[in-house]
Amino acid sequence: MLTVFYVVQIAAALALIALTAVTQTKSEQSGGSGMGWGTIGGKSSSSIAGLEDQLTRITTYVAVGFLVVSILVAVVSMGG
């Protein structure tokens, strides 16, 4: 049982890392200092409507899941 929790915890951690890496910050969205920052691969990602909102929502769910699994790992490993 503990092994399953470990696997889920590692998967959630890797998902959080990936989601955080692809999510833009507010300064990237607004153009930073006005010098063309906030583009990925030369294309502005603002052309994909709603993608950032979906990524934020998914990141929130994965983070809450990671927190819950981490608490479960702690409780189960203590024997309680």
N, C-alpha and C. Protein backbone atom coordinates (compact mmCIF):
# COMPACT_ATOMS: atom_id res chain seq x y z
N MET A 1 0.82 -1.19 0.00
CA MET A 1 0.00 0.00 0.00
C MET A 1 0.86 1.25 0.00
N LEU A 2 1.90 1.23 0.80
CA LEU A 2 2.79 2.38 0.87
C LEU A 2 3.51 2.60 -0.46
N THR A 3 3.83 1.51 -1.14
CA THR A 3 4.50 1.63 -2.44
C THR A 3 3.61 2.35 -3.45
N VAL A 4 2.32 2.07 -3.43
CA VAL A 4 1.39 2.75 -4.33
C VAL A 4 1.38 4.25 -4.04
N PHE A 5 1.36 4.61 -2.77
CA PHE A 5 1.39 6.03 -2.40
C PHE A 5 2.68 6.69 -2.87
N TYR A 6 3.80 5.98 -2.73
CA TYR A 6 5.08 6.52 -3.19
C TYR A 6 5.06 6.78 -4.70
N VAL A 7 4.52 5.84 -5.45
CA VAL A 7 4.46 5.99 -6.91
C VAL A 7 3.58 7.17 -7.29
N VAL A 8 2.43 7.29 -6.64
CA VAL A 8 1.53 8.41 -6.93
C VAL A 8 2.18 9.74 -6.54
N GLN A 9 2.89 9.74 -5.42
CA GLN A 9 3.55 10.96 -4.96
C GLN A 9 4.64 11.40 -5.94
N ILE A 10 5.42 10.46 -6.43
CA ILE A 10 6.48 10.79 -7.40
C ILE A 10 5.87 11.27 -8.70
N ALA A 11 4.80 10.62 -9.15
CA ALA A 11 4.13 11.05 -10.38
C ALA A 11 3.57 12.46 -10.23
N ALA A 12 2.97 12.76 -9.09
CA ALA A 12 2.42 14.10 -8.85
C ALA A 12 3.54 15.13 -8.79
N ALA A 13 4.67 14.78 -8.18
CA ALA A 13 5.79 15.72 -8.11
C ALA A 13 6.33 16.02 -9.50
N LEU A 14 6.48 15.00 -10.33
CA LEU A 14 6.96 15.22 -11.70
C LEU A 14 5.96 16.03 -12.52
N ALA A 15 4.68 15.77 -12.31
CA ALA A 15 3.65 16.55 -13.01
C ALA A 15 3.68 18.01 -12.58
N LEU A 16 3.89 18.26 -11.29
CA LEU A 16 3.99 19.65 -10.81
C LEU A 16 5.19 20.36 -11.42
N ILE A 17 6.30 19.67 -11.51
CA ILE A 17 7.49 20.26 -12.12
C ILE A 17 7.22 20.62 -13.58
N ALA A 18 6.61 19.70 -14.31
CA ALA A 18 6.32 19.94 -15.73
C ALA A 18 5.31 21.07 -15.90
N LEU A 19 4.25 21.07 -15.10
CA LEU A 19 3.23 22.11 -15.21
C LEU A 19 3.80 23.48 -14.85
N THR A 20 4.64 23.53 -13.85
CA THR A 20 5.25 24.80 -13.46
C THR A 20 6.20 25.31 -14.54
N ALA A 21 6.86 24.39 -15.21
CA ALA A 21 7.80 24.79 -16.26
C ALA A 21 7.10 25.38 -17.47
N VAL A 22 5.89 24.94 -17.78
CA VAL A 22 5.21 25.44 -18.97
C VAL A 22 4.24 26.58 -18.68
N THR A 23 4.00 26.89 -17.42
CA THR A 23 3.09 27.97 -17.06
C THR A 23 3.81 29.30 -17.09
N GLN A 24 3.16 30.30 -17.69
CA GLN A 24 3.76 31.63 -17.77
C GLN A 24 3.50 32.40 -16.49
N THR A 25 4.44 33.29 -16.16
CA THR A 25 4.22 34.19 -15.04
C THR A 25 3.47 35.42 -15.53
N LYS A 26 3.02 36.25 -14.61
CA LYS A 26 2.29 37.47 -14.99
C LYS A 26 3.17 38.42 -15.80
N SER A 27 4.46 38.50 -15.47
CA SER A 27 5.33 39.40 -16.22
C SER A 27 5.56 38.89 -17.64
N GLU A 28 5.54 37.59 -17.84
CA GLU A 28 5.68 37.05 -19.19
C GLU A 28 4.43 37.32 -20.00
N GLN A 29 3.27 37.27 -19.37
CA GLN A 29 2.03 37.51 -20.08
C GLN A 29 1.88 38.96 -20.49
N SER A 30 2.34 39.87 -19.66
CA SER A 30 2.16 41.29 -19.96
C SER A 30 3.26 41.84 -20.84
N GLY A 31 4.25 41.04 -21.14
CA GLY A 31 5.32 41.51 -22.00
C GLY A 31 6.55 41.93 -21.24
N GLY A 32 6.57 41.70 -19.94
CA GLY A 32 7.76 42.03 -19.14
C GLY A 32 8.05 43.51 -19.18
N SER A 33 9.19 43.88 -19.71
CA SER A 33 9.56 45.29 -19.78
C SER A 33 9.22 45.89 -21.14
N GLY A 34 8.38 45.21 -21.90
CA GLY A 34 7.99 45.73 -23.20
C GLY A 34 8.99 45.42 -24.28
N MET A 35 9.87 44.48 -24.03
CA MET A 35 10.92 44.19 -25.00
C MET A 35 10.69 42.85 -25.72
N GLY A 36 9.44 42.39 -25.74
CA GLY A 36 9.15 41.17 -26.46
C GLY A 36 9.26 39.91 -25.66
N TRP A 37 9.41 40.03 -24.34
CA TRP A 37 9.46 38.83 -23.51
C TRP A 37 8.08 38.21 -23.46
N GLY A 38 8.00 36.96 -23.09
CA GLY A 38 6.72 36.28 -22.98
C GLY A 38 6.35 35.48 -24.21
N THR A 39 7.32 35.22 -25.06
CA THR A 39 7.05 34.39 -26.22
C THR A 39 7.74 33.06 -26.05
N ILE A 40 7.13 32.04 -26.59
CA ILE A 40 7.71 30.70 -26.54
C ILE A 40 7.96 30.26 -27.97
N GLY A 41 9.21 29.99 -28.29
CA GLY A 41 9.54 29.56 -29.64
C GLY A 41 9.27 30.62 -30.69
N GLY A 42 9.30 31.88 -30.28
CA GLY A 42 9.08 32.96 -31.22
C GLY A 42 7.61 33.30 -31.44
N LYS A 43 6.72 32.55 -30.85
CA LYS A 43 5.29 32.79 -31.02
C LYS A 43 4.68 33.19 -29.68
N SER A 44 3.80 34.14 -29.71
CA SER A 44 3.11 34.55 -28.50
C SER A 44 2.12 33.48 -28.11
N SER A 45 2.19 33.04 -26.86
CA SER A 45 1.29 31.98 -26.41
C SER A 45 -0.10 32.52 -26.08
N SER A 46 -0.28 33.83 -26.17
CA SER A 46 -1.60 34.39 -25.88
C SER A 46 -2.60 34.07 -26.98
N SER A 47 -2.13 33.52 -28.09
CA SER A 47 -3.04 33.18 -29.17
C SER A 47 -3.87 31.95 -28.83
N ILE A 48 -3.48 31.19 -27.82
CA ILE A 48 -4.24 30.02 -27.40
C ILE A 48 -5.13 30.46 -26.24
N ALA A 49 -6.39 30.69 -26.56
CA ALA A 49 -7.32 31.24 -25.57
C ALA A 49 -7.64 30.21 -24.50
N GLY A 50 -7.52 30.63 -23.25
CA GLY A 50 -7.92 29.80 -22.14
C GLY A 50 -6.92 28.75 -21.71
N LEU A 51 -5.82 28.61 -22.42
CA LEU A 51 -4.85 27.58 -22.07
C LEU A 51 -4.24 27.83 -20.70
N GLU A 52 -3.90 29.06 -20.41
CA GLU A 52 -3.30 29.39 -19.11
C GLU A 52 -4.27 29.12 -17.96
N ASP A 53 -5.55 29.41 -18.18
CA ASP A 53 -6.54 29.13 -17.15
C ASP A 53 -6.65 27.64 -16.88
N GLN A 54 -6.62 26.84 -17.94
CA GLN A 54 -6.68 25.39 -17.78
C GLN A 54 -5.44 24.87 -17.08
N LEU A 55 -4.28 25.38 -17.46
CA LEU A 55 -3.04 24.95 -16.81
C LEU A 55 -3.03 25.32 -15.34
N THR A 56 -3.53 26.48 -15.00
CA THR A 56 -3.60 26.89 -13.60
C THR A 56 -4.53 25.98 -12.81
N ARG A 57 -5.67 25.64 -13.38
CA ARG A 57 -6.62 24.75 -12.72
C ARG A 57 -6.02 23.36 -12.53
N ILE A 58 -5.39 22.83 -13.57
CA ILE A 58 -4.78 21.50 -13.48
C ILE A 58 -3.65 21.51 -12.45
N THR A 59 -2.84 22.57 -12.45
CA THR A 59 -1.75 22.67 -11.48
C THR A 59 -2.29 22.68 -10.05
N THR A 60 -3.39 23.38 -9.84
CA THR A 60 -4.01 23.42 -8.51
C THR A 60 -4.46 22.04 -8.07
N TYR A 61 -5.13 21.31 -8.97
CA TYR A 61 -5.60 19.96 -8.64
C TYR A 61 -4.43 19.02 -8.35
N VAL A 62 -3.39 19.09 -9.15
CA VAL A 62 -2.23 18.22 -8.94
C VAL A 62 -1.54 18.57 -7.63
N ALA A 63 -1.45 19.87 -7.31
CA ALA A 63 -0.81 20.27 -6.05
C ALA A 63 -1.61 19.79 -4.84
N VAL A 64 -2.93 19.90 -4.90
CA VAL A 64 -3.76 19.41 -3.80
C VAL A 64 -3.63 17.89 -3.68
N GLY A 65 -3.61 17.20 -4.80
CA GLY A 65 -3.43 15.76 -4.79
C GLY A 65 -2.09 15.36 -4.19
N PHE A 66 -1.04 16.10 -4.55
CA PHE A 66 0.28 15.83 -3.99
C PHE A 66 0.28 16.03 -2.48
N LEU A 67 -0.37 17.07 -2.01
CA LEU A 67 -0.45 17.34 -0.58
C LEU A 67 -1.19 16.22 0.16
N VAL A 68 -2.31 15.80 -0.40
CA VAL A 68 -3.10 14.73 0.23
C VAL A 68 -2.30 13.43 0.28
N VAL A 69 -1.65 13.08 -0.83
CA VAL A 69 -0.87 11.85 -0.87
C VAL A 69 0.32 11.93 0.09
N SER A 70 0.93 13.10 0.19
CA SER A 70 2.05 13.26 1.12
C SER A 70 1.61 13.06 2.57
N ILE A 71 0.43 13.58 2.91
CA ILE A 71 -0.10 13.38 4.26
C ILE A 71 -0.42 11.90 4.49
N LEU A 72 -1.00 11.24 3.49
CA LEU A 72 -1.29 9.82 3.61
C LEU A 72 -0.02 8.99 3.78
N VAL A 73 1.04 9.34 3.06
CA VAL A 73 2.33 8.63 3.21
C VAL A 73 2.84 8.79 4.62
N ALA A 74 2.74 10.00 5.16
CA ALA A 74 3.22 10.24 6.52
C ALA A 74 2.42 9.43 7.53
N VAL A 75 1.10 9.41 7.38
CA VAL A 75 0.25 8.70 8.33
C VAL A 75 0.48 7.19 8.24
N VAL A 76 0.55 6.66 7.02
CA VAL A 76 0.72 5.22 6.85
C VAL A 76 2.10 4.77 7.30
N SER A 77 3.11 5.59 7.04
CA SER A 77 4.48 5.19 7.44
C SER A 77 4.67 5.23 8.96
N MET A 78 3.83 6.02 9.65
CA MET A 78 3.89 6.05 11.11
C MET A 78 3.13 4.88 11.73
N GLY A 79 2.41 4.17 10.90
CA GLY A 79 1.67 3.01 11.39
C GLY A 79 0.29 3.33 11.90
N GLY A 80 -0.20 4.53 11.60
CA GLY A 80 -1.48 4.90 12.16
C GLY A 80 -2.47 5.10 11.12
